Amino acid sequence: MPSNFNSNILTIPWIERGDNMQRVLKDFVSRSHFLKTFFLLFFPLCLLASFMAGIKGIAIAFIASLAISHVVMFTFGKFISNTASLIYGGGHGTWNEREQLDGDLNTAKYYKMRKEFDQALKTVNRILEIDPDFSGALFLKAQILWEGFENPTAAKGYLEKVIEMKQDKNETIHRWASNLYDELSEIEKNRESHLQSDKTLILSL
């Protein structure tokens, strides 16, 4: 994608914690992850069990692989959640609304990093429904709209909100929003120029 802006500056690949842990783990432990774990376990167990017990062994390997896959994915999700809890909050388990929104924002960044832009957009939209003035969420939505959907016009609308809210030019998010806004404006200008050139070329034929 034609972008020189370091869009991963705000990307921290951790998922949220606290009261929303179950919902996040459900998203994180997707079917693809589960199936990958299952087949990695099933094939070696199947070979071993079929050698030892024939057809019954295959059935046993299937059941064992299902059970172990559930345990592995749950344990891994628990580890991620607990680690994020230690990093972002010193390990305590009760979170206020701002901390939960920060957790949601990290989840959206995680999805964006994985290029799961539809899920990232849904997550950031939920944040903005609760706090429409959350500058970090507004900036992330602008990134998603540009990187995932190539919509510079919509992205600039959210960047304008960030710049208006954070008017201190020395503030980091103001600089990031301004830089991305200028970059998208240049891209739009180039697109319009190319479009005009194409129209001129067509008319001259």
N, C-alpha and C. Protein backbone atom coordinates (compact mmCIF):
# COMPACT_ATOMS: atom_id res chain seq x y z
N MET A 1 0.84 -1.19 0.00
CA MET A 1 0.00 0.00 0.00
C MET A 1 0.87 1.23 0.00
N PRO A 2 0.51 2.25 -0.73
CA PRO A 2 1.37 3.43 -0.87
C PRO A 2 1.33 4.31 0.35
N SER A 3 2.08 3.93 1.37
CA SER A 3 2.08 4.74 2.59
C SER A 3 3.44 4.69 3.24
N ASN A 4 4.03 5.87 3.47
CA ASN A 4 5.32 5.95 4.16
C ASN A 4 5.15 6.13 5.64
N PHE A 5 3.93 6.33 6.09
CA PHE A 5 3.68 6.58 7.50
C PHE A 5 3.78 5.27 8.27
N ASN A 6 4.47 5.33 9.38
CA ASN A 6 4.63 4.12 10.20
C ASN A 6 3.34 3.85 10.95
N SER A 7 2.45 3.10 10.33
CA SER A 7 1.12 2.89 10.90
C SER A 7 1.13 1.93 12.07
N ASN A 8 2.26 1.29 12.33
CA ASN A 8 2.30 0.35 13.44
C ASN A 8 2.87 0.98 14.71
N ILE A 9 3.05 2.30 14.69
CA ILE A 9 3.60 2.96 15.87
C ILE A 9 2.73 2.70 17.08
N LEU A 10 1.40 2.74 16.86
CA LEU A 10 0.49 2.54 17.98
C LEU A 10 0.03 1.11 18.12
N THR A 11 0.60 0.18 17.34
CA THR A 11 0.15 -1.20 17.36
C THR A 11 0.88 -1.97 18.44
N ILE A 12 0.14 -2.46 19.41
CA ILE A 12 0.69 -3.28 20.48
C ILE A 12 -0.06 -4.60 20.44
N PRO A 13 0.60 -5.72 20.10
CA PRO A 13 -0.12 -6.96 19.85
C PRO A 13 -0.54 -7.67 21.12
N TRP A 14 -1.34 -7.00 21.94
CA TRP A 14 -1.90 -7.64 23.13
C TRP A 14 -3.40 -7.50 23.11
N ILE A 15 -4.09 -8.41 23.77
CA ILE A 15 -5.53 -8.36 23.84
C ILE A 15 -5.96 -7.83 25.19
N GLU A 16 -7.24 -7.48 25.31
CA GLU A 16 -7.72 -6.82 26.51
C GLU A 16 -7.82 -7.77 27.69
N ARG A 17 -8.10 -7.15 28.86
CA ARG A 17 -8.11 -7.90 30.09
C ARG A 17 -9.40 -7.66 30.84
N GLY A 18 -9.40 -8.14 32.13
CA GLY A 18 -10.46 -7.79 33.05
C GLY A 18 -11.80 -8.36 32.70
N ASP A 19 -12.85 -7.52 32.85
CA ASP A 19 -14.22 -7.98 32.71
C ASP A 19 -14.54 -8.47 31.32
N ASN A 20 -13.80 -8.02 30.29
CA ASN A 20 -14.09 -8.43 28.92
C ASN A 20 -13.24 -9.61 28.45
N MET A 21 -12.54 -10.28 29.36
CA MET A 21 -11.59 -11.32 28.97
C MET A 21 -12.26 -12.44 28.18
N GLN A 22 -13.44 -12.88 28.61
CA GLN A 22 -14.08 -14.00 27.93
C GLN A 22 -14.39 -13.67 26.48
N ARG A 23 -14.90 -12.47 26.22
CA ARG A 23 -15.24 -12.10 24.85
C ARG A 23 -14.00 -12.01 23.98
N VAL A 24 -12.91 -11.46 24.54
CA VAL A 24 -11.68 -11.32 23.77
C VAL A 24 -11.07 -12.68 23.46
N LEU A 25 -11.06 -13.57 24.45
CA LEU A 25 -10.52 -14.90 24.22
C LEU A 25 -11.32 -15.65 23.16
N LYS A 26 -12.62 -15.43 23.16
CA LYS A 26 -13.47 -16.08 22.15
C LYS A 26 -13.09 -15.61 20.75
N ASP A 27 -12.79 -14.30 20.62
CA ASP A 27 -12.35 -13.77 19.32
C ASP A 27 -10.96 -14.28 18.96
N PHE A 28 -10.08 -14.24 19.97
CA PHE A 28 -8.68 -14.59 19.72
C PHE A 28 -8.52 -16.05 19.34
N VAL A 29 -9.23 -16.95 20.09
CA VAL A 29 -9.13 -18.38 19.81
C VAL A 29 -10.12 -18.69 18.69
N SER A 30 -9.79 -18.36 17.51
CA SER A 30 -10.66 -18.54 16.36
C SER A 30 -10.65 -19.98 15.91
N ARG A 31 -11.57 -20.29 15.00
CA ARG A 31 -11.66 -21.65 14.49
C ARG A 31 -10.37 -22.07 13.78
N SER A 32 -9.76 -21.13 13.07
CA SER A 32 -8.54 -21.49 12.35
C SER A 32 -7.43 -21.89 13.30
N HIS A 33 -7.31 -21.18 14.43
CA HIS A 33 -6.30 -21.54 15.42
C HIS A 33 -6.58 -22.92 16.00
N PHE A 34 -7.85 -23.16 16.30
CA PHE A 34 -8.22 -24.43 16.91
C PHE A 34 -7.94 -25.59 15.95
N LEU A 35 -8.35 -25.42 14.68
CA LEU A 35 -8.16 -26.49 13.70
C LEU A 35 -6.68 -26.77 13.47
N LYS A 36 -5.88 -25.72 13.44
CA LYS A 36 -4.44 -25.91 13.26
C LYS A 36 -3.86 -26.74 14.40
N THR A 37 -4.25 -26.39 15.62
CA THR A 37 -3.77 -27.14 16.79
C THR A 37 -4.26 -28.58 16.74
N PHE A 38 -5.53 -28.77 16.37
CA PHE A 38 -6.12 -30.10 16.33
C PHE A 38 -5.37 -31.02 15.36
N PHE A 39 -5.14 -30.53 14.15
CA PHE A 39 -4.50 -31.39 13.15
C PHE A 39 -3.03 -31.65 13.47
N LEU A 40 -2.37 -30.67 14.09
CA LEU A 40 -0.99 -30.91 14.52
C LEU A 40 -0.91 -32.03 15.55
N LEU A 41 -1.95 -32.15 16.36
CA LEU A 41 -1.99 -33.22 17.36
C LEU A 41 -2.53 -34.53 16.78
N PHE A 42 -3.53 -34.42 15.92
CA PHE A 42 -4.26 -35.60 15.48
C PHE A 42 -3.40 -36.55 14.64
N PHE A 43 -2.67 -36.02 13.67
CA PHE A 43 -1.95 -36.89 12.75
C PHE A 43 -0.90 -37.76 13.45
N PRO A 44 -0.03 -37.19 14.31
CA PRO A 44 0.92 -38.09 14.99
C PRO A 44 0.24 -39.04 15.96
N LEU A 45 -0.79 -38.56 16.65
CA LEU A 45 -1.51 -39.46 17.56
C LEU A 45 -2.22 -40.56 16.79
N CYS A 46 -2.77 -40.20 15.64
CA CYS A 46 -3.48 -41.18 14.82
C CYS A 46 -2.55 -42.29 14.36
N LEU A 47 -1.36 -41.91 13.90
CA LEU A 47 -0.40 -42.90 13.44
C LEU A 47 0.00 -43.85 14.58
N LEU A 48 0.26 -43.26 15.73
CA LEU A 48 0.68 -44.07 16.87
C LEU A 48 -0.45 -44.97 17.35
N ALA A 49 -1.65 -44.39 17.49
CA ALA A 49 -2.77 -45.16 18.03
C ALA A 49 -3.23 -46.23 17.06
N SER A 50 -3.24 -45.95 15.76
CA SER A 50 -3.66 -46.96 14.78
C SER A 50 -2.68 -48.11 14.73
N PHE A 51 -1.42 -47.82 14.93
CA PHE A 51 -0.42 -48.88 14.97
C PHE A 51 -0.63 -49.79 16.17
N MET A 52 -1.06 -49.18 17.29
CA MET A 52 -1.21 -49.94 18.53
C MET A 52 -2.58 -50.58 18.66
N ALA A 53 -3.65 -49.91 18.16
CA ALA A 53 -5.00 -50.40 18.42
C ALA A 53 -5.89 -50.41 17.18
N GLY A 54 -5.36 -50.22 16.00
CA GLY A 54 -6.15 -50.30 14.78
C GLY A 54 -7.19 -49.19 14.67
N ILE A 55 -8.42 -49.54 14.19
CA ILE A 55 -9.49 -48.57 13.98
C ILE A 55 -9.87 -47.89 15.29
N LYS A 56 -9.93 -48.64 16.38
CA LYS A 56 -10.27 -48.05 17.68
C LYS A 56 -9.25 -46.99 18.07
N GLY A 57 -8.02 -47.23 17.69
CA GLY A 57 -6.98 -46.26 18.01
C GLY A 57 -7.19 -44.93 17.32
N ILE A 58 -7.70 -44.96 16.07
CA ILE A 58 -7.97 -43.72 15.35
C ILE A 58 -9.05 -42.91 16.06
N ALA A 59 -10.11 -43.62 16.53
CA ALA A 59 -11.18 -42.93 17.26
C ALA A 59 -10.65 -42.33 18.56
N ILE A 60 -9.81 -43.08 19.23
CA ILE A 60 -9.21 -42.58 20.48
C ILE A 60 -8.35 -41.36 20.20
N ALA A 61 -7.57 -41.40 19.11
CA ALA A 61 -6.71 -40.27 18.75
C ALA A 61 -7.55 -39.04 18.44
N PHE A 62 -8.68 -39.25 17.76
CA PHE A 62 -9.57 -38.13 17.42
C PHE A 62 -10.10 -37.45 18.68
N ILE A 63 -10.61 -38.25 19.61
CA ILE A 63 -11.17 -37.70 20.86
C ILE A 63 -10.08 -37.03 21.68
N ALA A 64 -8.92 -37.67 21.76
CA ALA A 64 -7.82 -37.10 22.55
C ALA A 64 -7.35 -35.78 21.95
N SER A 65 -7.29 -35.70 20.62
CA SER A 65 -6.85 -34.48 19.96
C SER A 65 -7.82 -33.33 20.22
N LEU A 66 -9.12 -33.63 20.18
CA LEU A 66 -10.12 -32.60 20.49
C LEU A 66 -9.92 -32.06 21.90
N ALA A 67 -9.79 -32.98 22.85
CA ALA A 67 -9.66 -32.57 24.25
C ALA A 67 -8.39 -31.76 24.48
N ILE A 68 -7.28 -32.24 23.94
CA ILE A 68 -6.00 -31.56 24.15
C ILE A 68 -6.01 -30.19 23.47
N SER A 69 -6.63 -30.10 22.29
CA SER A 69 -6.68 -28.81 21.58
C SER A 69 -7.42 -27.77 22.40
N HIS A 70 -8.54 -28.17 23.01
CA HIS A 70 -9.28 -27.23 23.86
C HIS A 70 -8.40 -26.75 25.02
N VAL A 71 -7.71 -27.68 25.64
CA VAL A 71 -6.86 -27.32 26.79
C VAL A 71 -5.73 -26.39 26.36
N VAL A 72 -5.09 -26.71 25.22
CA VAL A 72 -3.97 -25.91 24.73
C VAL A 72 -4.41 -24.48 24.42
N MET A 73 -5.53 -24.34 23.68
CA MET A 73 -5.99 -23.01 23.29
C MET A 73 -6.44 -22.20 24.50
N PHE A 74 -7.12 -22.85 25.45
CA PHE A 74 -7.56 -22.13 26.65
C PHE A 74 -6.36 -21.67 27.47
N THR A 75 -5.38 -22.56 27.62
CA THR A 75 -4.19 -22.23 28.41
C THR A 75 -3.41 -21.09 27.77
N PHE A 76 -3.26 -21.13 26.44
CA PHE A 76 -2.53 -20.07 25.75
C PHE A 76 -3.26 -18.74 25.88
N GLY A 77 -4.58 -18.77 25.72
CA GLY A 77 -5.36 -17.55 25.87
C GLY A 77 -5.25 -16.98 27.27
N LYS A 78 -5.27 -17.86 28.26
CA LYS A 78 -5.13 -17.43 29.65
C LYS A 78 -3.77 -16.77 29.87
N PHE A 79 -2.73 -17.37 29.27
CA PHE A 79 -1.38 -16.82 29.42
C PHE A 79 -1.30 -15.42 28.82
N ILE A 80 -1.86 -15.25 27.61
CA ILE A 80 -1.85 -13.93 26.96
C ILE A 80 -2.58 -12.91 27.82
N SER A 81 -3.74 -13.29 28.33
CA SER A 81 -4.55 -12.36 29.13
C SER A 81 -3.82 -11.95 30.40
N ASN A 82 -3.24 -12.93 31.09
CA ASN A 82 -2.54 -12.64 32.34
C ASN A 82 -1.30 -11.78 32.10
N THR A 83 -0.59 -12.06 31.01
CA THR A 83 0.60 -11.27 30.70
C THR A 83 0.23 -9.83 30.41
N ALA A 84 -0.83 -9.64 29.61
CA ALA A 84 -1.28 -8.28 29.31
C ALA A 84 -1.72 -7.56 30.58
N SER A 85 -2.35 -8.30 31.48
CA SER A 85 -2.78 -7.71 32.74
C SER A 85 -1.60 -7.20 33.54
N LEU A 86 -0.51 -7.97 33.58
CA LEU A 86 0.68 -7.55 34.31
C LEU A 86 1.32 -6.32 33.67
N ILE A 87 1.35 -6.30 32.33
CA ILE A 87 2.01 -5.20 31.62
C ILE A 87 1.24 -3.90 31.79
N TYR A 88 -0.09 -3.96 31.61
CA TYR A 88 -0.87 -2.73 31.56
C TYR A 88 -1.40 -2.27 32.90
N GLY A 89 -1.47 -3.18 33.88
CA GLY A 89 -2.06 -2.73 35.13
C GLY A 89 -1.42 -3.25 36.38
N GLY A 90 -0.22 -3.82 36.29
CA GLY A 90 0.44 -4.30 37.48
C GLY A 90 -0.19 -5.55 38.05
N GLY A 91 -1.08 -6.20 37.30
CA GLY A 91 -1.60 -7.48 37.72
C GLY A 91 -2.91 -7.43 38.45
N HIS A 92 -3.48 -6.25 38.70
CA HIS A 92 -4.74 -6.23 39.44
C HIS A 92 -5.88 -6.62 38.52
N GLY A 93 -7.01 -7.04 39.07
CA GLY A 93 -8.07 -7.64 38.29
C GLY A 93 -9.31 -6.80 38.13
N THR A 94 -9.38 -5.62 38.68
CA THR A 94 -10.55 -4.77 38.56
C THR A 94 -10.20 -3.56 37.71
N TRP A 95 -11.00 -3.32 36.67
CA TRP A 95 -10.65 -2.29 35.70
C TRP A 95 -11.78 -1.28 35.58
N ASN A 96 -11.40 0.00 35.52
CA ASN A 96 -12.41 1.02 35.30
C ASN A 96 -12.70 1.12 33.80
N GLU A 97 -13.63 2.00 33.44
CA GLU A 97 -14.07 2.08 32.04
C GLU A 97 -12.93 2.46 31.12
N ARG A 98 -12.10 3.41 31.52
CA ARG A 98 -10.99 3.85 30.67
C ARG A 98 -10.01 2.70 30.43
N GLU A 99 -9.72 1.94 31.47
CA GLU A 99 -8.79 0.83 31.32
C GLU A 99 -9.38 -0.24 30.40
N GLN A 100 -10.67 -0.47 30.50
CA GLN A 100 -11.32 -1.44 29.63
C GLN A 100 -11.32 -0.96 28.18
N LEU A 101 -11.53 0.34 27.98
CA LEU A 101 -11.48 0.88 26.62
C LEU A 101 -10.06 0.80 26.06
N ASP A 102 -9.07 1.02 26.91
CA ASP A 102 -7.68 0.86 26.47
C ASP A 102 -7.43 -0.58 26.05
N GLY A 103 -8.01 -1.52 26.81
CA GLY A 103 -7.88 -2.93 26.44
C GLY A 103 -8.54 -3.21 25.11
N ASP A 104 -9.74 -2.64 24.90
CA ASP A 104 -10.42 -2.80 23.61
C ASP A 104 -9.58 -2.21 22.47
N LEU A 105 -8.94 -1.08 22.75
CA LEU A 105 -8.12 -0.43 21.72
C LEU A 105 -6.95 -1.33 21.34
N ASN A 106 -6.33 -1.96 22.32
CA ASN A 106 -5.23 -2.87 22.03
C ASN A 106 -5.70 -4.07 21.22
N THR A 107 -6.94 -4.51 21.50
CA THR A 107 -7.51 -5.60 20.71
C THR A 107 -7.67 -5.18 19.25
N ALA A 108 -8.19 -3.97 19.03
CA ALA A 108 -8.36 -3.46 17.67
C ALA A 108 -7.01 -3.34 16.96
N LYS A 109 -5.98 -2.89 17.68
CA LYS A 109 -4.64 -2.79 17.10
C LYS A 109 -4.10 -4.17 16.72
N TYR A 110 -4.41 -5.14 17.56
CA TYR A 110 -3.98 -6.51 17.29
C TYR A 110 -4.62 -7.01 15.98
N TYR A 111 -5.91 -6.77 15.83
CA TYR A 111 -6.59 -7.19 14.60
C TYR A 111 -6.03 -6.46 13.38
N LYS A 112 -5.74 -5.16 13.54
CA LYS A 112 -5.17 -4.40 12.42
C LYS A 112 -3.80 -4.95 12.04
N MET A 113 -3.01 -5.28 13.03
CA MET A 113 -1.69 -5.83 12.77
C MET A 113 -1.79 -7.13 11.97
N ARG A 114 -2.82 -7.91 12.25
CA ARG A 114 -3.05 -9.18 11.53
C ARG A 114 -3.80 -8.98 10.21
N LYS A 115 -4.08 -7.70 9.90
CA LYS A 115 -4.82 -7.33 8.68
C LYS A 115 -6.25 -7.89 8.69
N GLU A 116 -6.80 -8.09 9.87
CA GLU A 116 -8.21 -8.46 10.01
C GLU A 116 -9.00 -7.16 10.18
N PHE A 117 -9.11 -6.42 9.08
CA PHE A 117 -9.60 -5.05 9.15
C PHE A 117 -11.09 -4.96 9.50
N ASP A 118 -11.89 -5.91 9.05
CA ASP A 118 -13.31 -5.89 9.40
C ASP A 118 -13.50 -6.00 10.90
N GLN A 119 -12.77 -6.94 11.51
CA GLN A 119 -12.88 -7.13 12.96
C GLN A 119 -12.30 -5.94 13.71
N ALA A 120 -11.21 -5.38 13.19
CA ALA A 120 -10.60 -4.20 13.81
C ALA A 120 -11.58 -3.03 13.79
N LEU A 121 -12.27 -2.85 12.66
CA LEU A 121 -13.22 -1.75 12.55
C LEU A 121 -14.40 -1.94 13.48
N LYS A 122 -14.91 -3.16 13.60
CA LYS A 122 -16.01 -3.43 14.52
C LYS A 122 -15.60 -3.11 15.95
N THR A 123 -14.39 -3.49 16.31
CA THR A 123 -13.92 -3.27 17.68
C THR A 123 -13.76 -1.79 17.98
N VAL A 124 -13.15 -1.04 17.05
CA VAL A 124 -12.94 0.39 17.30
C VAL A 124 -14.27 1.14 17.27
N ASN A 125 -15.22 0.67 16.49
CA ASN A 125 -16.55 1.30 16.49
C ASN A 125 -17.25 1.12 17.83
N ARG A 126 -17.07 -0.03 18.45
CA ARG A 126 -17.65 -0.26 19.78
C ARG A 126 -17.05 0.72 20.80
N ILE A 127 -15.75 0.97 20.66
CA ILE A 127 -15.10 1.91 21.57
C ILE A 127 -15.68 3.31 21.40
N LEU A 128 -15.84 3.73 20.17
CA LEU A 128 -16.31 5.08 19.88
C LEU A 128 -17.79 5.26 20.22
N GLU A 129 -18.55 4.17 20.26
CA GLU A 129 -19.93 4.26 20.73
C GLU A 129 -19.97 4.64 22.21
N ILE A 130 -19.00 4.15 22.96
CA ILE A 130 -18.93 4.44 24.40
C ILE A 130 -18.26 5.78 24.65
N ASP A 131 -17.18 6.06 23.92
CA ASP A 131 -16.43 7.31 24.10
C ASP A 131 -16.10 7.89 22.73
N PRO A 132 -16.99 8.73 22.19
CA PRO A 132 -16.77 9.30 20.85
C PRO A 132 -15.56 10.22 20.76
N ASP A 133 -15.04 10.67 21.90
CA ASP A 133 -13.91 11.61 21.89
C ASP A 133 -12.59 10.93 22.26
N PHE A 134 -12.53 9.63 22.15
CA PHE A 134 -11.31 8.89 22.46
C PHE A 134 -10.35 9.08 21.28
N SER A 135 -9.36 9.96 21.47
CA SER A 135 -8.49 10.35 20.35
C SER A 135 -7.70 9.16 19.80
N GLY A 136 -7.27 8.26 20.67
CA GLY A 136 -6.53 7.09 20.20
C GLY A 136 -7.37 6.21 19.30
N ALA A 137 -8.66 6.06 19.65
CA ALA A 137 -9.56 5.25 18.84
C ALA A 137 -9.88 5.95 17.51
N LEU A 138 -10.02 7.27 17.54
CA LEU A 138 -10.28 8.02 16.31
C LEU A 138 -9.10 7.89 15.34
N PHE A 139 -7.90 8.00 15.88
CA PHE A 139 -6.71 7.88 15.04
C PHE A 139 -6.59 6.47 14.47
N LEU A 140 -6.85 5.47 15.31
CA LEU A 140 -6.77 4.08 14.83
C LEU A 140 -7.82 3.81 13.76
N LYS A 141 -9.01 4.36 13.92
CA LYS A 141 -10.04 4.17 12.90
C LYS A 141 -9.61 4.78 11.58
N ALA A 142 -8.96 5.93 11.65
CA ALA A 142 -8.45 6.55 10.41
C ALA A 142 -7.44 5.63 9.74
N GLN A 143 -6.55 5.04 10.52
CA GLN A 143 -5.57 4.11 9.95
C GLN A 143 -6.26 2.91 9.30
N ILE A 144 -7.27 2.37 9.99
CA ILE A 144 -7.98 1.19 9.47
C ILE A 144 -8.70 1.53 8.17
N LEU A 145 -9.36 2.68 8.13
CA LEU A 145 -10.10 3.08 6.93
C LEU A 145 -9.17 3.26 5.74
N TRP A 146 -7.94 3.70 6.00
CA TRP A 146 -6.99 3.88 4.91
C TRP A 146 -6.32 2.56 4.53
N GLU A 147 -5.74 1.89 5.52
CA GLU A 147 -4.97 0.68 5.23
C GLU A 147 -5.86 -0.48 4.79
N GLY A 148 -7.02 -0.62 5.43
CA GLY A 148 -7.87 -1.76 5.14
C GLY A 148 -8.88 -1.53 4.04
N PHE A 149 -9.31 -0.28 3.85
CA PHE A 149 -10.39 0.00 2.92
C PHE A 149 -10.03 1.05 1.87
N GLU A 150 -8.81 1.56 1.95
CA GLU A 150 -8.31 2.56 0.98
C GLU A 150 -9.30 3.70 0.79
N ASN A 151 -9.76 4.23 1.89
CA ASN A 151 -10.73 5.35 1.86
C ASN A 151 -10.09 6.56 2.53
N PRO A 152 -9.27 7.31 1.80
CA PRO A 152 -8.56 8.44 2.41
C PRO A 152 -9.50 9.55 2.86
N THR A 153 -10.61 9.73 2.16
CA THR A 153 -11.53 10.81 2.51
C THR A 153 -12.15 10.57 3.89
N ALA A 154 -12.64 9.35 4.11
CA ALA A 154 -13.22 9.02 5.41
C ALA A 154 -12.16 9.06 6.50
N ALA A 155 -10.97 8.57 6.19
CA ALA A 155 -9.88 8.58 7.17
C ALA A 155 -9.54 10.00 7.59
N LYS A 156 -9.49 10.92 6.63
CA LYS A 156 -9.16 12.32 6.94
C LYS A 156 -10.20 12.95 7.85
N GLY A 157 -11.46 12.52 7.73
CA GLY A 157 -12.49 13.06 8.61
C GLY A 157 -12.20 12.78 10.06
N TYR A 158 -11.72 11.57 10.35
CA TYR A 158 -11.39 11.23 11.74
C TYR A 158 -10.09 11.88 12.19
N LEU A 159 -9.17 12.05 11.27
CA LEU A 159 -7.93 12.73 11.62
C LEU A 159 -8.20 14.20 11.95
N GLU A 160 -9.13 14.81 11.25
CA GLU A 160 -9.50 16.20 11.55
C GLU A 160 -10.03 16.33 12.97
N LYS A 161 -10.80 15.33 13.41
CA LYS A 161 -11.32 15.35 14.79
C LYS A 161 -10.18 15.28 15.79
N VAL A 162 -9.21 14.42 15.51
CA VAL A 162 -8.06 14.29 16.42
C VAL A 162 -7.30 15.60 16.49
N ILE A 163 -7.02 16.19 15.34
CA ILE A 163 -6.25 17.44 15.29
C ILE A 163 -7.00 18.56 16.00
N GLU A 164 -8.31 18.59 15.84
CA GLU A 164 -9.12 19.61 16.50
C GLU A 164 -9.13 19.43 18.01
N MET A 165 -9.19 18.17 18.45
CA MET A 165 -9.23 17.89 19.88
C MET A 165 -7.87 18.11 20.53
N LYS A 166 -6.81 17.68 19.84
CA LYS A 166 -5.46 17.76 20.38
C LYS A 166 -4.71 18.87 19.64
N GLN A 167 -4.91 20.11 20.09
CA GLN A 167 -4.38 21.26 19.36
C GLN A 167 -2.94 21.59 19.71
N ASP A 168 -2.40 20.94 20.72
CA ASP A 168 -1.00 21.15 21.06
C ASP A 168 -0.13 20.44 20.02
N LYS A 169 0.55 21.21 19.19
CA LYS A 169 1.32 20.64 18.09
C LYS A 169 2.50 19.81 18.56
N ASN A 170 2.87 19.96 19.82
CA ASN A 170 3.98 19.18 20.36
C ASN A 170 3.51 17.82 20.89
N GLU A 171 2.20 17.64 20.97
CA GLU A 171 1.67 16.37 21.46
C GLU A 171 1.85 15.30 20.37
N THR A 172 2.26 14.13 20.80
CA THR A 172 2.62 13.06 19.85
C THR A 172 1.47 12.72 18.91
N ILE A 173 0.29 12.50 19.45
CA ILE A 173 -0.83 12.06 18.59
C ILE A 173 -1.23 13.17 17.61
N HIS A 174 -1.03 14.43 18.01
CA HIS A 174 -1.30 15.54 17.07
C HIS A 174 -0.34 15.45 15.88
N ARG A 175 0.92 15.19 16.15
CA ARG A 175 1.91 15.09 15.08
C ARG A 175 1.60 13.91 14.16
N TRP A 176 1.27 12.77 14.77
CA TRP A 176 0.95 11.59 13.96
C TRP A 176 -0.26 11.84 13.07
N ALA A 177 -1.30 12.42 13.67
CA ALA A 177 -2.53 12.69 12.92
C ALA A 177 -2.26 13.70 11.80
N SER A 178 -1.49 14.74 12.09
CA SER A 178 -1.17 15.76 11.08
C SER A 178 -0.36 15.17 9.94
N ASN A 179 0.63 14.34 10.28
CA ASN A 179 1.46 13.72 9.25
C ASN A 179 0.65 12.81 8.33
N LEU A 180 -0.21 12.01 8.94
CA LEU A 180 -1.03 11.11 8.13
C LEU A 180 -2.04 11.89 7.30
N TYR A 181 -2.58 12.95 7.88
CA TYR A 181 -3.53 13.79 7.15
C TYR A 181 -2.86 14.39 5.91
N ASP A 182 -1.66 14.92 6.09
CA ASP A 182 -0.93 15.52 4.96
C ASP A 182 -0.63 14.46 3.90
N GLU A 183 -0.26 13.28 4.35
CA GLU A 183 0.05 12.21 3.41
C GLU A 183 -1.17 11.80 2.60
N LEU A 184 -2.31 11.67 3.28
CA LEU A 184 -3.54 11.28 2.58
C LEU A 184 -4.00 12.39 1.64
N SER A 185 -3.81 13.63 2.04
CA SER A 185 -4.16 14.76 1.16
C SER A 185 -3.35 14.71 -0.11
N GLU A 186 -2.08 14.39 0.00
CA GLU A 186 -1.20 14.28 -1.17
C GLU A 186 -1.64 13.12 -2.06
N ILE A 187 -2.02 12.02 -1.43
CA ILE A 187 -2.50 10.86 -2.20
C ILE A 187 -3.76 11.22 -2.97
N GLU A 188 -4.69 11.90 -2.29
CA GLU A 188 -5.93 12.33 -2.97
C GLU A 188 -5.62 13.26 -4.13
N LYS A 189 -4.69 14.17 -3.90
CA LYS A 189 -4.31 15.12 -4.95
C LYS A 189 -3.74 14.40 -6.16
N ASN A 190 -2.89 13.40 -5.90
CA ASN A 190 -2.30 12.63 -7.00
C ASN A 190 -3.35 11.82 -7.74
N ARG A 191 -4.30 11.28 -6.99
CA ARG A 191 -5.37 10.52 -7.62
C ARG A 191 -6.20 11.40 -8.54
N GLU A 192 -6.54 12.59 -8.06
CA GLU A 192 -7.33 13.52 -8.87
C GLU A 192 -6.56 13.94 -10.11
N SER A 193 -5.25 14.13 -9.94
CA SER A 193 -4.42 14.52 -11.08
C SER A 193 -4.38 13.43 -12.13
N HIS A 194 -4.24 12.17 -11.67
CA HIS A 194 -4.21 11.05 -12.59
C HIS A 194 -5.56 10.88 -13.27
N LEU A 195 -6.62 11.09 -12.51
CA LEU A 195 -7.96 10.97 -13.08
C LEU A 195 -8.20 12.02 -14.15
N GLN A 196 -7.75 13.24 -13.87
CA GLN A 196 -7.90 14.32 -14.84
C GLN A 196 -7.08 14.06 -16.10
N SER A 197 -5.89 13.50 -15.89
CA SER A 197 -5.04 13.17 -17.04
C SER A 197 -5.69 12.10 -17.90
N ASP A 198 -6.31 11.11 -17.26
CA ASP A 198 -6.99 10.05 -18.00
C ASP A 198 -8.17 10.60 -18.79
N LYS A 199 -8.91 11.53 -18.17
CA LYS A 199 -10.06 12.13 -18.88
C LYS A 199 -9.57 12.92 -20.10
N THR A 200 -8.48 13.66 -19.90
CA THR A 200 -7.93 14.45 -21.01
C THR A 200 -7.47 13.54 -22.16
N LEU A 201 -6.85 12.42 -21.76
CA LEU A 201 -6.36 11.48 -22.76
C LEU A 201 -7.53 10.87 -23.54
N ILE A 202 -8.60 10.52 -22.84
CA ILE A 202 -9.77 9.92 -23.49
C ILE A 202 -10.42 10.91 -24.46
N LEU A 203 -10.52 12.17 -24.04
CA LEU A 203 -11.14 13.18 -24.90
C LEU A 203 -10.31 13.47 -26.15
N SER A 204 -8.99 13.27 -26.02
CA SER A 204 -8.12 13.56 -27.16
C SER A 204 -8.13 12.45 -28.20
N LEU A 205 -8.68 11.29 -27.84
CA LEU A 205 -8.69 10.16 -28.76
C LEU A 205 -9.74 10.35 -29.85
